[in-house]
PDB file of all heavy atoms in Angstrom:
ATOM      1  N   SER A   1      -1.013  -1.023   1.111  1.00  0.00           N
ATOM      2  CA  SER A   1      -2.043  -1.373   2.095  1.00  0.00           C
ATOM      3  C   SER A   1      -1.414  -2.084   3.298  1.00  0.00           C
ATOM      4  O   SER A   1      -0.233  -2.303   3.291  1.00  0.00           O
ATOM      5  CB  SER A   1      -3.048  -2.286   1.446  1.00  0.00           C
ATOM      6  OG  SER A   1      -2.403  -3.553   1.193  1.00  0.00           O
ATOM      7  N   ASP A   2      -2.272  -2.406   4.261  1.00  0.00           N
ATOM      8  CA  ASP A   2      -1.800  -3.041   5.460  1.00  0.00           C
ATOM      9  C   ASP A   2      -1.062  -4.399   5.065  1.00  0.00           C
ATOM     10  O   ASP A   2      -0.038  -4.775   5.670  1.00  0.00           O
ATOM     11  CB  ASP A   2      -2.927  -3.449   6.412  1.00  0.00           C
ATOM     12  CG  ASP A   2      -3.485  -2.148   7.108  1.00  0.00           C
ATOM     13  OD1 ASP A   2      -2.797  -1.146   7.086  1.00  0.00           O
ATOM     14  OD2 ASP A   2      -4.617  -2.209   7.617  1.00  0.00           O
ATOM     15  N   ALA A   3      -1.648  -5.072   4.121  1.00  0.00           N
ATOM     16  CA  ALA A   3      -1.069  -6.369   3.655  1.00  0.00           C
ATOM     17  C   ALA A   3       0.278  -6.272   3.020  1.00  0.00           C
ATOM     18  O   ALA A   3       1.053  -7.258   2.954  1.00  0.00           O
ATOM     19  CB  ALA A   3      -2.056  -7.117   2.724  1.00  0.00           C
ATOM     20  N   ASP A   4       0.593  -5.058   2.435  1.00  0.00           N
ATOM     21  CA  ASP A   4       1.831  -4.896   1.675  1.00  0.00           C
ATOM     22  C   ASP A   4       2.814  -4.050   2.335  1.00  0.00           C
ATOM     23  O   ASP A   4       3.788  -3.496   1.791  1.00  0.00           O
ATOM     24  CB  ASP A   4       1.470  -4.246   0.309  1.00  0.00           C
ATOM     25  CG  ASP A   4       0.895  -5.268  -0.694  1.00  0.00           C
ATOM     26  OD1 ASP A   4       1.115  -6.423  -0.465  1.00  0.00           O
ATOM     27  OD2 ASP A   4       0.191  -4.809  -1.554  1.00  0.00           O
ATOM     28  N   ARG A   5       2.721  -3.879   3.697  1.00  0.00           N
ATOM     29  CA  ARG A   5       3.624  -2.950   4.439  1.00  0.00           C
ATOM     30  C   ARG A   5       5.077  -3.289   4.201  1.00  0.00           C
ATOM     31  O   ARG A   5       5.917  -2.348   4.100  1.00  0.00           O
ATOM     32  CB  ARG A   5       3.242  -3.027   5.969  1.00  0.00           C
ATOM     33  CG  ARG A   5       4.022  -2.019   6.783  1.00  0.00           C
ATOM     34  CD  ARG A   5       3.519  -2.064   8.212  1.00  0.00           C
ATOM     35  NE  ARG A   5       2.099  -1.782   8.275  1.00  0.00           N
ATOM     36  CZ  ARG A   5       1.522  -0.569   8.367  1.00  0.00           C
ATOM     37  NH1 ARG A   5       2.297   0.504   8.320  1.00  0.00           N
ATOM     38  NH2 ARG A   5       0.232  -0.348   8.446  1.00  0.00           N
ATOM     39  N   HIS A   6       5.441  -4.476   4.027  1.00  0.00           N
ATOM     40  CA  HIS A   6       6.805  -4.901   3.829  1.00  0.00           C
ATOM     41  C   HIS A   6       7.115  -5.505   2.470  1.00  0.00           C
ATOM     42  O   HIS A   6       8.099  -6.159   2.267  1.00  0.00           O
ATOM     43  CB  HIS A   6       7.242  -5.900   4.914  1.00  0.00           C
ATOM     44  CG  HIS A   6       7.078  -5.422   6.345  1.00  0.00           C
ATOM     45  ND1 HIS A   6       7.715  -4.356   6.903  1.00  0.00           N
ATOM     46  CD2 HIS A   6       6.158  -5.867   7.252  1.00  0.00           C
ATOM     47  CE1 HIS A   6       7.362  -4.166   8.095  1.00  0.00           C
ATOM     48  NE2 HIS A   6       6.405  -5.020   8.391  1.00  0.00           N
ATOM     49  N   ALA A   7       6.257  -5.143   1.463  1.00  0.00           N
ATOM     50  CA  ALA A   7       6.414  -5.751   0.154  1.00  0.00           C
ATOM     51  C   ALA A   7       7.571  -5.130  -0.572  1.00  0.00           C
ATOM     52  O   ALA A   7       7.983  -3.945  -0.271  1.00  0.00           O
ATOM     53  CB  ALA A   7       5.112  -5.479  -0.635  1.00  0.00           C
ATOM     54  N   PRO A   8       8.090  -5.769  -1.639  1.00  0.00           N
ATOM     55  CA  PRO A   8       9.331  -5.258  -2.350  1.00  0.00           C
ATOM     56  C   PRO A   8       9.097  -3.876  -2.956  1.00  0.00           C
ATOM     57  O   PRO A   8      10.010  -3.061  -2.972  1.00  0.00           O
ATOM     58  CB  PRO A   8       9.484  -6.318  -3.392  1.00  0.00           C
ATOM     59  CG  PRO A   8       9.010  -7.573  -2.806  1.00  0.00           C
ATOM     60  CD  PRO A   8       7.829  -7.215  -1.966  1.00  0.00           C
ATOM     61  N   HIS A   9       7.852  -3.648  -3.459  1.00  0.00           N
ATOM     62  CA  HIS A   9       7.679  -2.274  -4.107  1.00  0.00           C
ATOM     63  C   HIS A   9       7.808  -1.158  -3.121  1.00  0.00           C
ATOM     64  O   HIS A   9       8.190  -0.042  -3.453  1.00  0.00           O
ATOM     65  CB  HIS A   9       6.370  -2.226  -4.884  1.00  0.00           C
ATOM     66  CG  HIS A   9       5.123  -2.062  -4.083  1.00  0.00           C
ATOM     67  ND1 HIS A   9       4.490  -3.108  -3.325  1.00  0.00           N
ATOM     68  CD2 HIS A   9       4.358  -0.937  -3.859  1.00  0.00           C
ATOM     69  CE1 HIS A   9       3.434  -2.627  -2.717  1.00  0.00           C
ATOM     70  NE2 HIS A   9       3.338  -1.359  -3.075  1.00  0.00           N
ATOM     71  N   VAL A  10       7.456  -1.479  -1.839  1.00  0.00           N
ATOM     72  CA  VAL A  10       7.581  -0.432  -0.785  1.00  0.00           C
ATOM     73  C   VAL A  10       9.018  -0.170  -0.495  1.00  0.00           C
ATOM     74  O   VAL A  10       9.463   0.967  -0.310  1.00  0.00           O
ATOM     75  CB  VAL A  10       6.719  -0.885   0.493  1.00  0.00           C
ATOM     76  CG1 VAL A  10       6.982   0.168   1.628  1.00  0.00           C
ATOM     77  CG2 VAL A  10       5.346  -1.014   0.063  1.00  0.00           C
ATOM     78  N   LYS A  11       9.833  -1.252  -0.408  1.00  0.00           N
ATOM     79  CA  LYS A  11      11.204  -1.072  -0.104  1.00  0.00           C
ATOM     80  C   LYS A  11      11.955  -0.424  -1.223  1.00  0.00           C
ATOM     81  O   LYS A  11      12.999   0.324  -0.942  1.00  0.00           O
ATOM     82  CB  LYS A  11      11.890  -2.485   0.145  1.00  0.00           C
ATOM     83  CG  LYS A  11      11.205  -3.287   1.283  1.00  0.00           C
ATOM     84  CD  LYS A  11      11.417  -2.647   2.623  1.00  0.00           C
ATOM     85  CE  LYS A  11      10.848  -3.516   3.753  1.00  0.00           C
ATOM     86  NZ  LYS A  11      11.060  -2.847   5.075  1.00  0.00           N
ATOM     87  N   LEU A  12      11.580  -0.643  -2.432  1.00  0.00           N
ATOM     88  CA  LEU A  12      12.276  -0.055  -3.596  1.00  0.00           C
ATOM     89  C   LEU A  12      12.015   1.442  -3.776  1.00  0.00           C
ATOM     90  O   LEU A  12      12.838   2.184  -4.320  1.00  0.00           O
ATOM     91  CB  LEU A  12      11.906  -0.770  -4.857  1.00  0.00           C
ATOM     92  CG  LEU A  12      12.598  -0.434  -6.144  1.00  0.00           C
ATOM     93  CD1 LEU A  12      14.135  -0.737  -6.048  1.00  0.00           C
ATOM     94  CD2 LEU A  12      11.980  -1.213  -7.305  1.00  0.00           C
ATOM     95  N   ALA A  13      10.885   1.893  -3.322  1.00  0.00           N
ATOM     96  CA  ALA A  13      10.457   3.305  -3.489  1.00  0.00           C
ATOM     97  C   ALA A  13      11.304   4.258  -2.728  1.00  0.00           C
ATOM     98  O   ALA A  13      11.884   3.960  -1.669  1.00  0.00           O
ATOM     99  CB  ALA A  13       8.978   3.463  -3.132  1.00  0.00           C
ATOM    100  N   ASP A  14      11.421   5.523  -3.161  1.00  0.00           N
ATOM    101  CA  ASP A  14      12.059   6.568  -2.426  1.00  0.00           C
ATOM    102  C   ASP A  14      11.170   7.068  -1.257  1.00  0.00           C
ATOM    103  O   ASP A  14      11.662   7.542  -0.266  1.00  0.00           O
ATOM    104  CB  ASP A  14      12.359   7.752  -3.378  1.00  0.00           C
ATOM    105  CG  ASP A  14      13.240   7.354  -4.481  1.00  0.00           C
ATOM    106  OD1 ASP A  14      14.460   7.157  -4.236  1.00  0.00           O
ATOM    107  OD2 ASP A  14      12.764   7.264  -5.667  1.00  0.00           O
ATOM    108  N   LYS A  15       9.849   6.918  -1.490  1.00  0.00           N
ATOM    109  CA  LYS A  15       8.922   7.307  -0.451  1.00  0.00           C
ATOM    110  C   LYS A  15       7.678   6.379  -0.499  1.00  0.00           C
ATOM    111  O   LYS A  15       7.327   5.942  -1.643  1.00  0.00           O
ATOM    112  CB  LYS A  15       8.518   8.773  -0.575  1.00  0.00           C
ATOM    113  CG  LYS A  15       7.574   9.296   0.459  1.00  0.00           C
ATOM    114  CD  LYS A  15       7.211  10.718   0.232  1.00  0.00           C
ATOM    115  CE  LYS A  15       8.367  11.662   0.320  1.00  0.00           C
ATOM    116  NZ  LYS A  15       8.002  13.100   0.150  1.00  0.00           N
ATOM    117  N   ALA A  16       7.031   6.026   0.574  1.00  0.00           N
ATOM    118  CA  ALA A  16       5.911   5.139   0.515  1.00  0.00           C
ATOM    119  C   ALA A  16       4.797   5.744   1.385  1.00  0.00           C
ATOM    120  O   ALA A  16       5.061   6.262   2.505  1.00  0.00           O
ATOM    121  CB  ALA A  16       6.219   3.738   1.010  1.00  0.00           C
ATOM    122  N   VAL A  17       3.592   5.707   0.875  1.00  0.00           N
ATOM    123  CA  VAL A  17       2.405   6.251   1.553  1.00  0.00           C
ATOM    124  C   VAL A  17       1.399   5.147   1.834  1.00  0.00           C
ATOM    125  O   VAL A  17       0.945   4.423   0.942  1.00  0.00           O
ATOM    126  CB  VAL A  17       1.790   7.369   0.769  1.00  0.00           C
ATOM    127  CG1 VAL A  17       0.571   7.930   1.502  1.00  0.00           C
ATOM    128  CG2 VAL A  17       2.776   8.432   0.380  1.00  0.00           C
ATOM    129  N   HIS A  18       0.973   5.005   3.169  1.00  0.00           N
ATOM    130  CA  HIS A  18      -0.029   3.969   3.486  1.00  0.00           C
ATOM    131  C   HIS A  18      -1.392   4.513   3.063  1.00  0.00           C
ATOM    132  O   HIS A  18      -1.825   5.650   3.284  1.00  0.00           O
ATOM    133  CB  HIS A  18       0.020   3.808   5.048  1.00  0.00           C
ATOM    134  CG  HIS A  18      -0.990   2.813   5.512  1.00  0.00           C
ATOM    135  ND1 HIS A  18      -2.065   3.193   6.228  1.00  0.00           N
ATOM    136  CD2 HIS A  18      -1.120   1.472   5.309  1.00  0.00           C
ATOM    137  CE1 HIS A  18      -2.790   2.125   6.505  1.00  0.00           C
ATOM    138  NE2 HIS A  18      -2.270   1.061   5.958  1.00  0.00           N
ATOM    139  N   VAL A  19      -2.163   3.596   2.393  1.00  0.00           N
ATOM    140  CA  VAL A  19      -3.509   4.085   1.843  1.00  0.00           C
ATOM    141  C   VAL A  19      -4.648   3.247   2.362  1.00  0.00           C
ATOM    142  O   VAL A  19      -5.807   3.435   1.922  1.00  0.00           O
ATOM    143  CB  VAL A  19      -3.561   4.058   0.314  1.00  0.00           C
ATOM    144  CG1 VAL A  19      -2.630   5.168  -0.234  1.00  0.00           C
ATOM    145  CG2 VAL A  19      -3.049   2.698  -0.211  1.00  0.00           C
ATOM    146  N   GLY A  20      -4.413   2.328   3.353  1.00  0.00           N
ATOM    147  CA  GLY A  20      -5.559   1.674   3.895  1.00  0.00           C
ATOM    148  C   GLY A  20      -5.454   0.246   4.233  1.00  0.00           C
ATOM    149  O   GLY A  20      -4.285  -0.319   4.102  1.00  0.00           O
ATOM    150  N   PRO A  21      -6.501  -0.447   4.553  1.00  0.00           N
ATOM    151  CA  PRO A  21      -6.496  -1.880   4.871  1.00  0.00           C
ATOM    152  C   PRO A  21      -6.211  -2.737   3.630  1.00  0.00           C
ATOM    153  O   PRO A  21      -6.105  -2.142   2.494  1.00  0.00           O
ATOM    154  CB  PRO A  21      -7.843  -2.105   5.440  1.00  0.00           C
ATOM    155  CG  PRO A  21      -8.731  -1.035   4.773  1.00  0.00           C
ATOM    156  CD  PRO A  21      -7.874   0.141   4.649  1.00  0.00           C
ATOM    157  N   ALA A  22      -6.170  -4.025   3.829  1.00  0.00           N
ATOM    158  CA  ALA A  22      -5.871  -4.933   2.720  1.00  0.00           C
ATOM    159  C   ALA A  22      -6.872  -4.907   1.629  1.00  0.00           C
ATOM    160  O   ALA A  22      -6.510  -5.072   0.405  1.00  0.00           O
ATOM    161  CB  ALA A  22      -5.725  -6.396   3.268  1.00  0.00           C
ATOM    162  N   ALA A  23      -8.164  -4.729   1.897  1.00  0.00           N
ATOM    163  CA  ALA A  23      -9.177  -4.686   0.940  1.00  0.00           C
ATOM    164  C   ALA A  23      -8.886  -3.641  -0.205  1.00  0.00           C
ATOM    165  O   ALA A  23      -8.723  -2.499   0.175  1.00  0.00           O
ATOM    166  CB  ALA A  23     -10.545  -4.424   1.576  1.00  0.00           C
ATOM    167  N   ALA A  24      -8.798  -4.093  -1.429  1.00  0.00           N
ATOM    168  CA  ALA A  24      -8.423  -3.124  -2.473  1.00  0.00           C
ATOM    169  C   ALA A  24      -9.392  -1.996  -2.578  1.00  0.00           C
ATOM    170  O   ALA A  24      -8.930  -0.857  -2.924  1.00  0.00           O
ATOM    171  CB  ALA A  24      -8.387  -3.939  -3.797  1.00  0.00           C
ATOM    172  N   ALA A  25     -10.681  -2.184  -2.313  1.00  0.00           N
ATOM    173  CA  ALA A  25     -11.635  -1.151  -2.511  1.00  0.00           C
ATOM    174  C   ALA A  25     -11.390  -0.036  -1.485  1.00  0.00           C
ATOM    175  O   ALA A  25     -11.722   1.147  -1.751  1.00  0.00           O
ATOM    176  CB  ALA A  25     -13.086  -1.651  -2.235  1.00  0.00           C
ATOM    177  N   GLN A  26     -10.667  -0.304  -0.416  1.00  0.00           N
ATOM    178  CA  GLN A  26     -10.392   0.711   0.649  1.00  0.00           C
ATOM    179  C   GLN A  26      -8.935   1.136   0.596  1.00  0.00           C
ATOM    180  O   GLN A  26      -8.478   1.915   1.443  1.00  0.00           O
ATOM    181  CB  GLN A  26     -10.664   0.077   2.034  1.00  0.00           C
ATOM    182  CG  GLN A  26     -12.134  -0.371   2.218  1.00  0.00           C
ATOM    183  CD  GLN A  26     -12.302  -1.105   3.555  1.00  0.00           C
ATOM    184  OE1 GLN A  26     -11.901  -0.594   4.608  1.00  0.00           O
ATOM    185  NE2 GLN A  26     -12.957  -2.259   3.474  1.00  0.00           N
ATOM    186  N   SER A  27      -8.238   0.722  -0.454  1.00  0.00           N
ATOM    187  CA  SER A  27      -6.786   1.159  -0.514  1.00  0.00           C
ATOM    188  C   SER A  27      -6.442   1.442  -1.977  1.00  0.00           C
ATOM    189  O   SER A  27      -6.564   2.644  -2.428  1.00  0.00           O
ATOM    190  CB  SER A  27      -5.910   0.108   0.036  1.00  0.00           C
ATOM    191  OG  SER A  27      -6.160  -1.193  -0.574  1.00  0.00           O
ATOM    192  N   TYR A  28      -6.018   0.438  -2.764  1.00  0.00           N
ATOM    193  CA  TYR A  28      -5.538   0.712  -4.136  1.00  0.00           C
ATOM    194  C   TYR A  28      -6.624   1.235  -5.110  1.00  0.00           C
ATOM    195  O   TYR A  28      -6.324   1.840  -6.101  1.00  0.00           O
ATOM    196  CB  TYR A  28      -4.950  -0.562  -4.693  1.00  0.00           C
ATOM    197  CG  TYR A  28      -3.682  -1.046  -3.903  1.00  0.00           C
ATOM    198  CD1 TYR A  28      -3.802  -2.093  -3.054  1.00  0.00           C
ATOM    199  CD2 TYR A  28      -2.504  -0.355  -4.123  1.00  0.00           C
ATOM    200  CE1 TYR A  28      -2.687  -2.564  -2.415  1.00  0.00           C
ATOM    201  CE2 TYR A  28      -1.350  -0.767  -3.340  1.00  0.00           C
ATOM    202  CZ  TYR A  28      -1.455  -1.831  -2.494  1.00  0.00           C
ATOM    203  OH  TYR A  28      -0.350  -2.291  -1.880  1.00  0.00           O
ATOM    204  N   LEU A  29      -7.895   0.980  -4.787  1.00  0.00           N
ATOM    205  CA  LEU A  29      -8.978   1.422  -5.609  1.00  0.00           C
ATOM    206  C   LEU A  29      -9.718   2.697  -5.174  1.00  0.00           C
ATOM    207  O   LEU A  29     -10.625   3.224  -5.749  1.00  0.00           O
ATOM    208  CB  LEU A  29     -10.047   0.300  -5.748  1.00  0.00           C
ATOM    209  CG  LEU A  29      -9.631  -0.905  -6.684  1.00  0.00           C
ATOM    210  CD1 LEU A  29     -10.651  -2.019  -6.539  1.00  0.00           C
ATOM    211  CD2 LEU A  29      -9.507  -0.459  -8.123  1.00  0.00           C
ATOM    212  N   ASP A  30      -9.200   3.240  -4.038  1.00  0.00           N
ATOM    213  CA  ASP A  30      -9.803   4.382  -3.471  1.00  0.00           C
ATOM    214  C   ASP A  30      -9.171   5.691  -4.096  1.00  0.00           C
ATOM    215  O   ASP A  30      -8.078   6.049  -3.724  1.00  0.00           O
ATOM    216  CB  ASP A  30      -9.575   4.463  -1.969  1.00  0.00           C
ATOM    217  CG  ASP A  30     -10.418   5.529  -1.220  1.00  0.00           C
ATOM    218  OD1 ASP A  30     -10.429   6.688  -1.722  1.00  0.00           O
ATOM    219  OD2 ASP A  30     -10.973   5.225  -0.160  1.00  0.00           O
ATOM    220  N   ILE A  31      -9.937   6.355  -4.982  1.00  0.00           N
ATOM    221  CA  ILE A  31      -9.392   7.460  -5.756  1.00  0.00           C
ATOM    222  C   ILE A  31      -8.986   8.564  -4.857  1.00  0.00           C
ATOM    223  O   ILE A  31      -7.914   9.228  -5.045  1.00  0.00           O
ATOM    224  CB  ILE A  31     -10.463   7.934  -6.777  1.00  0.00           C
ATOM    225  CG1 ILE A  31     -10.624   6.824  -7.882  1.00  0.00           C
ATOM    226  CG2 ILE A  31     -10.026   9.252  -7.420  1.00  0.00           C
ATOM    227  CD1 ILE A  31     -11.706   7.158  -8.916  1.00  0.00           C
TER     228      ILE A  31
END
């Protein structure tokens, strides 16, 4: 999400995809 743009899990991944704003309902919970 926007809040995690520079988070460790993003840096560790081979590829990272942005999925939305900080609100979980609009990012990590959006199927």
